[in-house]
Amino acid sequence: MPSNYTEANYEKSVMELFQNLGYETVYAPDIERDLKSPLYDEVLERQIRLLNPTLPEDAICDALFKLKNFENGEACTA
């Protein structure tokens, strides 16, 4: 039985789910960002600070570093 469920339908469903949870969705081409990074650095840092107002600066810097430079568990072949 053929399905009309496409990638576009899936994306729309996920966006609606997050909108229903109170998140704002934005059309990606309308956002200026570093195309080499999957993260929105300014938003990420602002939200970390907002969610953790008593966190020391060193801890915030460490968290940002770990999010930007996570290890994927692969063994080094060098």
PDB file of N, CA and C in Angstrom:
ATOM      1  N   MET A   1       0.850  -1.186   0.000  1.00  0.00           N
ATOM      2  CA  MET A   1       0.000   0.000   0.000  1.00  0.00           C
ATOM      3  C   MET A   1       0.886   1.236   0.000  1.00  0.00           C
ATOM      4  N   PRO A   2       0.769   2.103  -1.002  1.00  0.00           N
ATOM      5  CA  PRO A   2       1.614   3.298  -1.067  1.00  0.00           C
ATOM      6  C   PRO A   2       1.254   4.304   0.016  1.00  0.00           C
ATOM      7  N   SER A   3       2.275   5.034   0.437  1.00  0.00           N
ATOM      8  CA  SER A   3       2.075   6.025   1.493  1.00  0.00           C
ATOM      9  C   SER A   3       2.338   7.417   0.940  1.00  0.00           C
ATOM     10  N   ASN A   4       1.556   8.363   1.356  1.00  0.00           N
ATOM     11  CA  ASN A   4       1.759   9.755   0.953  1.00  0.00           C
ATOM     12  C   ASN A   4       2.565  10.511   1.984  1.00  0.00           C
ATOM     13  N   TYR A   5       3.159   9.773   2.912  1.00  0.00           N
ATOM     14  CA  TYR A   5       3.933  10.408   3.973  1.00  0.00           C
ATOM     15  C   TYR A   5       5.330  10.707   3.441  1.00  0.00           C
ATOM     16  N   THR A   6       5.618  11.980   3.247  1.00  0.00           N
ATOM     17  CA  THR A   6       6.882  12.407   2.653  1.00  0.00           C
ATOM     18  C   THR A   6       7.768  13.063   3.701  1.00  0.00           C
ATOM     19  N   GLU A   7       8.992  13.342   3.300  1.00  0.00           N
ATOM     20  CA  GLU A   7       9.903  14.053   4.199  1.00  0.00           C
ATOM     21  C   GLU A   7       9.314  15.411   4.577  1.00  0.00           C
ATOM     22  N   ALA A   8       8.697  16.077   3.627  1.00  0.00           N
ATOM     23  CA  ALA A   8       8.077  17.378   3.907  1.00  0.00           C
ATOM     24  C   ALA A   8       6.973  17.239   4.949  1.00  0.00           C
ATOM     25  N   ASN A   9       6.178  16.165   4.857  1.00  0.00           N
ATOM     26  CA  ASN A   9       5.128  15.930   5.851  1.00  0.00           C
ATOM     27  C   ASN A   9       5.725  15.675   7.231  1.00  0.00           C
ATOM     28  N   TYR A  10       6.817  14.911   7.264  1.00  0.00           N
ATOM     29  CA  TYR A  10       7.497  14.628   8.518  1.00  0.00           C
ATOM     30  C   TYR A  10       8.013  15.921   9.146  1.00  0.00           C
ATOM     31  N   GLU A  11       8.691  16.738   8.343  1.00  0.00           N
ATOM     32  CA  GLU A  11       9.217  18.008   8.852  1.00  0.00           C
ATOM     33  C   GLU A  11       8.092  18.885   9.384  1.00  0.00           C
ATOM     34  N   LYS A  12       6.996  18.944   8.652  1.00  0.00           N
ATOM     35  CA  LYS A  12       5.852  19.750   9.089  1.00  0.00           C
ATOM     36  C   LYS A  12       5.308  19.237  10.426  1.00  0.00           C
ATOM     37  N   SER A  13       5.231  17.912  10.576  1.00  0.00           N
ATOM     38  CA  SER A  13       4.738  17.320  11.828  1.00  0.00           C
ATOM     39  C   SER A  13       5.639  17.674  13.002  1.00  0.00           C
ATOM     40  N   VAL A  14       6.941  17.575  12.788  1.00  0.00           N
ATOM     41  CA  VAL A  14       7.893  17.895  13.855  1.00  0.00           C
ATOM     42  C   VAL A  14       7.815  19.375  14.212  1.00  0.00           C
ATOM     43  N   MET A  15       7.714  20.241  13.200  1.00  0.00           N
ATOM     44  CA  MET A  15       7.610  21.678  13.469  1.00  0.00           C
ATOM     45  C   MET A  15       6.337  21.989  14.255  1.00  0.00           C
ATOM     46  N   GLU A  16       5.233  21.358  13.888  1.00  0.00           N
ATOM     47  CA  GLU A  16       3.977  21.572  14.613  1.00  0.00           C
ATOM     48  C   GLU A  16       4.084  21.086  16.054  1.00  0.00           C
ATOM     49  N   LEU A  17       4.766  19.970  16.258  1.00  0.00           N
ATOM     50  CA  LEU A  17       4.959  19.461  17.609  1.00  0.00           C
ATOM     51  C   LEU A  17       5.688  20.491  18.466  1.00  0.00           C
ATOM     52  N   PHE A  18       6.786  21.023  17.947  1.00  0.00           N
ATOM     53  CA  PHE A  18       7.541  22.004  18.718  1.00  0.00           C
ATOM     54  C   PHE A  18       6.769  23.312  18.889  1.00  0.00           C
ATOM     55  N   GLN A  19       6.018  23.727  17.892  1.00  0.00           N
ATOM     56  CA  GLN A  19       5.192  24.929  18.038  1.00  0.00           C
ATOM     57  C   GLN A  19       4.159  24.725  19.139  1.00  0.00           C
ATOM     58  N   ASN A  20       3.573  23.542  19.202  1.00  0.00           N
ATOM     59  CA  ASN A  20       2.584  23.242  20.244  1.00  0.00           C
ATOM     60  C   ASN A  20       3.207  23.209  21.629  1.00  0.00           C
ATOM     61  N   LEU A  21       4.519  22.996  21.696  1.00  0.00           N
ATOM     62  CA  LEU A  21       5.232  23.014  22.973  1.00  0.00           C
ATOM     63  C   LEU A  21       5.704  24.420  23.334  1.00  0.00           C
ATOM     64  N   GLY A  22       5.405  25.391  22.475  1.00  0.00           N
ATOM     65  CA  GLY A  22       5.745  26.772  22.775  1.00  0.00           C
ATOM     66  C   GLY A  22       7.013  27.282  22.111  1.00  0.00           C
ATOM     67  N   TYR A  23       7.626  26.462  21.268  1.00  0.00           N
ATOM     68  CA  TYR A  23       8.841  26.888  20.577  1.00  0.00           C
ATOM     69  C   TYR A  23       8.493  27.692  19.333  1.00  0.00           C
ATOM     70  N   GLU A  24       9.380  28.581  18.976  1.00  0.00           N
ATOM     71  CA  GLU A  24       9.244  29.358  17.751  1.00  0.00           C
ATOM     72  C   GLU A  24       9.998  28.644  16.643  1.00  0.00           C
ATOM     73  N   THR A  25       9.381  28.515  15.489  1.00  0.00           N
ATOM     74  CA  THR A  25      10.069  27.932  14.348  1.00  0.00           C
ATOM     75  C   THR A  25      10.378  29.035  13.348  1.00  0.00           C
ATOM     76  N   VAL A  26      11.504  28.883  12.683  1.00  0.00           N
ATOM     77  CA  VAL A  26      11.959  29.899  11.741  1.00  0.00           C
ATOM     78  C   VAL A  26      12.414  29.196  10.472  1.00  0.00           C
ATOM     79  N   TYR A  27      12.115  29.775   9.331  1.00  0.00           N
ATOM     80  CA  TYR A  27      12.542  29.238   8.046  1.00  0.00           C
ATOM     81  C   TYR A  27      14.051  29.417   7.930  1.00  0.00           C
ATOM     82  N   ALA A  28      14.776  28.323   7.806  1.00  0.00           N
ATOM     83  CA  ALA A  28      16.243  28.339   7.879  1.00  0.00           C
ATOM     84  C   ALA A  28      16.926  29.338   6.941  1.00  0.00           C
ATOM     85  N   PRO A  29      16.525  29.450   5.679  1.00  0.00           N
ATOM     86  CA  PRO A  29      17.216  30.416   4.817  1.00  0.00           C
ATOM     87  C   PRO A  29      17.074  31.875   5.263  1.00  0.00           C
ATOM     88  N   ASP A  30      16.125  32.137   6.153  1.00  0.00           N
ATOM     89  CA  ASP A  30      15.941  33.501   6.648  1.00  0.00           C
ATOM     90  C   ASP A  30      16.870  33.830   7.816  1.00  0.00           C
ATOM     91  N   ILE A  31      17.660  32.856   8.259  1.00  0.00           N
ATOM     92  CA  ILE A  31      18.524  33.053   9.419  1.00  0.00           C
ATOM     93  C   ILE A  31      19.960  33.247   8.962  1.00  0.00           C
ATOM     94  N   GLU A  32      20.573  34.329   9.436  1.00  0.00           N
ATOM     95  CA  GLU A  32      21.993  34.533   9.158  1.00  0.00           C
ATOM     96  C   GLU A  32      22.791  33.772  10.195  1.00  0.00           C
ATOM     97  N   ARG A  33      23.689  32.890   9.731  1.00  0.00           N
ATOM     98  CA  ARG A  33      24.502  32.111  10.657  1.00  0.00           C
ATOM     99  C   ARG A  33      25.739  31.609   9.949  1.00  0.00           C
ATOM    100  N   ASP A  34      26.636  31.047  10.736  1.00  0.00           N
ATOM    101  CA  ASP A  34      27.842  30.436  10.217  1.00  0.00           C
ATOM    102  C   ASP A  34      27.454  29.081   9.629  1.00  0.00           C
ATOM    103  N   LEU A  35      27.587  28.918   8.327  1.00  0.00           N
ATOM    104  CA  LEU A  35      27.160  27.688   7.685  1.00  0.00           C
ATOM    105  C   LEU A  35      28.066  26.502   8.007  1.00  0.00           C
ATOM    106  N   LYS A  36      29.194  26.757   8.660  1.00  0.00           N
ATOM    107  CA  LYS A  36      30.101  25.676   9.050  1.00  0.00           C
ATOM    108  C   LYS A  36      29.731  25.107  10.415  1.00  0.00           C
ATOM    109  N   SER A  37      28.783  25.723  11.094  1.00  0.00           N
ATOM    110  CA  SER A  37      28.383  25.282  12.423  1.00  0.00           C
ATOM    111  C   SER A  37      26.890  24.959  12.438  1.00  0.00           C
ATOM    112  N   PRO A  38      26.501  23.814  12.998  1.00  0.00           N
ATOM    113  CA  PRO A  38      25.080  23.487  13.079  1.00  0.00           C
ATOM    114  C   PRO A  38      24.365  24.221  14.208  1.00  0.00           C
ATOM    115  N   LEU A  39      25.132  24.917  15.052  1.00  0.00           N
ATOM    116  CA  LEU A  39      24.565  25.588  16.216  1.00  0.00           C
ATOM    117  C   LEU A  39      24.369  27.080  15.956  1.00  0.00           C
ATOM    118  N   TYR A  40      23.375  27.633  16.589  1.00  0.00           N
ATOM    119  CA  TYR A  40      23.194  29.079  16.600  1.00  0.00           C
ATOM    120  C   TYR A  40      23.879  29.564  17.870  1.00  0.00           C
ATOM    121  N   ASP A  41      25.160  29.888  17.749  1.00  0.00           N
ATOM    122  CA  ASP A  41      26.018  30.143  18.910  1.00  0.00           C
ATOM    123  C   ASP A  41      25.456  31.189  19.864  1.00  0.00           C
ATOM    124  N   GLU A  42      24.988  32.318  19.335  1.00  0.00           N
ATOM    125  CA  GLU A  42      24.484  33.389  20.202  1.00  0.00           C
ATOM    126  C   GLU A  42      23.243  32.938  20.973  1.00  0.00           C
ATOM    127  N   VAL A  43      22.352  32.253  20.300  1.00  0.00           N
ATOM    128  CA  VAL A  43      21.126  31.775  20.951  1.00  0.00           C
ATOM    129  C   VAL A  43      21.473  30.716  21.991  1.00  0.00           C
ATOM    130  N   LEU A  44      22.374  29.816  21.639  1.00  0.00           N
ATOM    131  CA  LEU A  44      22.779  28.765  22.563  1.00  0.00           C
ATOM    132  C   LEU A  44      23.354  29.343  23.851  1.00  0.00           C
ATOM    133  N   GLU A  45      24.280  30.270  23.705  1.00  0.00           N
ATOM    134  CA  GLU A  45      24.895  30.860  24.899  1.00  0.00           C
ATOM    135  C   GLU A  45      23.868  31.630  25.729  1.00  0.00           C
ATOM    136  N   ARG A  46      23.019  32.389  25.066  1.00  0.00           N
ATOM    137  CA  ARG A  46      21.999  33.156  25.787  1.00  0.00           C
ATOM    138  C   ARG A  46      21.073  32.225  26.574  1.00  0.00           C
ATOM    139  N   GLN A  47      20.679  31.106  25.964  1.00  0.00           N
ATOM    140  CA  GLN A  47      19.763  30.182  26.639  1.00  0.00           C
ATOM    141  C   GLN A  47      20.440  29.436  27.779  1.00  0.00           C
ATOM    142  N   ILE A  48      21.702  29.077  27.603  1.00  0.00           N
ATOM    143  CA  ILE A  48      22.428  28.435  28.707  1.00  0.00           C
ATOM    144  C   ILE A  48      22.473  29.370  29.907  1.00  0.00           C
ATOM    145  N   ARG A  49      22.768  30.642  29.650  1.00  0.00           N
ATOM    146  CA  ARG A  49      22.822  31.620  30.741  1.00  0.00           C
ATOM    147  C   ARG A  49      21.447  31.829  31.364  1.00  0.00           C
ATOM    148  N   LEU A  50      20.407  31.847  30.535  1.00  0.00           N
ATOM    149  CA  LEU A  50      19.042  32.043  31.027  1.00  0.00           C
ATOM    150  C   LEU A  50      18.596  30.866  31.892  1.00  0.00           C
ATOM    151  N   LEU A  51      18.899  29.656  31.449  1.00  0.00           N
ATOM    152  CA  LEU A  51      18.487  28.459  32.184  1.00  0.00           C
ATOM    153  C   LEU A  51      19.327  28.197  33.423  1.00  0.00           C
ATOM    154  N   ASN A  52      20.545  28.762  33.464  1.00  0.00           N
ATOM    155  CA  ASN A  52      21.482  28.506  34.567  1.00  0.00           C
ATOM    156  C   ASN A  52      22.079  29.815  35.070  1.00  0.00           C
ATOM    157  N   PRO A  53      21.265  30.702  35.631  1.00  0.00           N
ATOM    158  CA  PRO A  53      21.746  32.037  35.979  1.00  0.00           C
ATOM    159  C   PRO A  53      22.844  32.066  37.048  1.00  0.00           C
ATOM    160  N   THR A  54      22.965  31.019  37.840  1.00  0.00           N
ATOM    161  CA  THR A  54      23.982  31.024  38.899  1.00  0.00           C
ATOM    162  C   THR A  54      25.236  30.246  38.513  1.00  0.00           C
ATOM    163  N   LEU A  55      25.276  29.734  37.294  1.00  0.00           N
ATOM    164  CA  LEU A  55      26.422  28.949  36.850  1.00  0.00           C
ATOM    165  C   LEU A  55      27.650  29.847  36.694  1.00  0.00           C
ATOM    166  N   PRO A  56      28.799  29.421  37.214  1.00  0.00           N
ATOM    167  CA  PRO A  56      30.017  30.220  37.062  1.00  0.00           C
ATOM    168  C   PRO A  56      30.414  30.339  35.578  1.00  0.00           C
ATOM    169  N   GLU A  57      31.096  31.413  35.253  1.00  0.00           N
ATOM    170  CA  GLU A  57      31.520  31.668  33.875  1.00  0.00           C
ATOM    171  C   GLU A  57      32.335  30.508  33.311  1.00  0.00           C
ATOM    172  N   ASP A  58      33.211  29.932  34.127  1.00  0.00           N
ATOM    173  CA  ASP A  58      34.029  28.801  33.656  1.00  0.00           C
ATOM    174  C   ASP A  58      33.155  27.618  33.240  1.00  0.00           C
ATOM    175  N   ALA A  59      32.104  27.370  33.979  1.00  0.00           N
ATOM    176  CA  ALA A  59      31.209  26.254  33.670  1.00  0.00           C
ATOM    177  C   ALA A  59      30.451  26.512  32.370  1.00  0.00           C
ATOM    178  N   ILE A  60      30.035  27.756  32.149  1.00  0.00           N
ATOM    179  CA  ILE A  60      29.344  28.112  30.911  1.00  0.00           C
ATOM    180  C   ILE A  60      30.286  27.925  29.722  1.00  0.00           C
ATOM    181  N   CYS A  61      31.499  28.416  29.853  1.00  0.00           N
ATOM    182  CA  CYS A  61      32.488  28.265  28.776  1.00  0.00           C
ATOM    183  C   CYS A  61      32.768  26.790  28.505  1.00  0.00           C
ATOM    184  N   ASP A  62      32.865  25.996  29.563  1.00  0.00           N
ATOM    185  CA  ASP A  62      33.108  24.566  29.414  1.00  0.00           C
ATOM    186  C   ASP A  62      31.936  23.884  28.703  1.00  0.00           C
ATOM    187  N   ALA A  63      30.728  24.231  29.084  1.00  0.00           N
ATOM    188  CA  ALA A  63      29.542  23.648  28.447  1.00  0.00           C
ATOM    189  C   ALA A  63      29.491  24.004  26.970  1.00  0.00           C
ATOM    190  N   LEU A  64      29.748  25.260  26.639  1.00  0.00           N
ATOM    191  CA  LEU A  64      29.745  25.684  25.235  1.00  0.00           C
ATOM    192  C   LEU A  64      30.819  24.943  24.444  1.00  0.00           C
ATOM    193  N   PHE A  65      31.995  24.805  25.039  1.00  0.00           N
ATOM    194  CA  PHE A  65      33.074  24.092  24.365  1.00  0.00           C
ATOM    195  C   PHE A  65      32.674  22.640  24.091  1.00  0.00           C
ATOM    196  N   LYS A  66      32.097  21.992  25.094  1.00  0.00           N
ATOM    197  CA  LYS A  66      31.709  20.591  24.929  1.00  0.00           C
ATOM    198  C   LYS A  66      30.609  20.415  23.890  1.00  0.00           C
ATOM    199  N   LEU A  67      29.684  21.342  23.827  1.00  0.00           N
ATOM    200  CA  LEU A  67      28.621  21.258  22.816  1.00  0.00           C
ATOM    201  C   LEU A  67      29.162  21.484  21.412  1.00  0.00           C
ATOM    202  N   LYS A  68      30.158  22.325  21.300  1.00  0.00           N
ATOM    203  CA  LYS A  68      30.727  22.634  19.979  1.00  0.00           C
ATOM    204  C   LYS A  68      31.781  21.620  19.554  1.00  0.00           C
ATOM    205  N   ASN A  69      32.337  20.868  20.491  1.00  0.00           N
ATOM    206  CA  ASN A  69      33.447  19.972  20.194  1.00  0.00           C
ATOM    207  C   ASN A  69      33.222  18.586  20.791  1.00  0.00           C
ATOM    208  N   PHE A  70      32.026  18.053  20.643  1.00  0.00           N
ATOM    209  CA  PHE A  70      31.731  16.774  21.277  1.00  0.00           C
ATOM    210  C   PHE A  70      32.489  15.639  20.581  1.00  0.00           C
ATOM    211  N   GLU A  71      32.798  14.640  21.378  1.00  0.00           N
ATOM    212  CA  GLU A  71      33.458  13.438  20.847  1.00  0.00           C
ATOM    213  C   GLU A  71      32.374  12.475  20.386  1.00  0.00           C
ATOM    214  N   ASN A  72      32.632  11.810  19.266  1.00  0.00           N
ATOM    215  CA  ASN A  72      31.619  10.906  18.732  1.00  0.00           C
ATOM    216  C   ASN A  72      31.862   9.456  19.097  1.00  0.00           C
ATOM    217  N   GLY A  73      32.870   9.178  19.926  1.00  0.00           N
ATOM    218  CA  GLY A  73      33.113   7.829  20.385  1.00  0.00           C
ATOM    219  C   GLY A  73      33.947   6.993  19.438  1.00  0.00           C
ATOM    220  N   GLU A  74      34.380   7.550  18.322  1.00  0.00           N
ATOM    221  CA  GLU A  74      35.209   6.805  17.387  1.00  0.00           C
ATOM    222  C   GLU A  74      36.642   6.771  17.909  1.00  0.00           C
ATOM    223  N   ALA A  75      37.314   5.664  17.688  1.00  0.00           N
ATOM    224  CA  ALA A  75      38.711   5.553  18.089  1.00  0.00           C
ATOM    225  C   ALA A  75      39.586   6.357  17.141  1.00  0.00           C
ATOM    226  N   CYS A  76      40.614   6.932  17.688  1.00  0.00           N
ATOM    227  CA  CYS A  76      41.565   7.701  16.899  1.00  0.00           C
ATOM    228  C   CYS A  76      42.411   6.730  16.078  1.00  0.00           C
ATOM    229  N   THR A  77      42.567   7.007  14.796  1.00  0.00           N
ATOM    230  CA  THR A  77      43.351   6.122  13.919  1.00  0.00           C
ATOM    231  C   THR A  77      44.722   6.691  13.608  1.00  0.00           C
ATOM    232  N   ALA A  78      45.078   7.771  14.219  1.00  0.00           N
ATOM    233  CA  ALA A  78      46.359   8.406  13.931  1.00  0.00           C
ATOM    234  C   ALA A  78      47.499   7.713  14.620  1.00  0.00           C
TER     235      ALA A  78
END
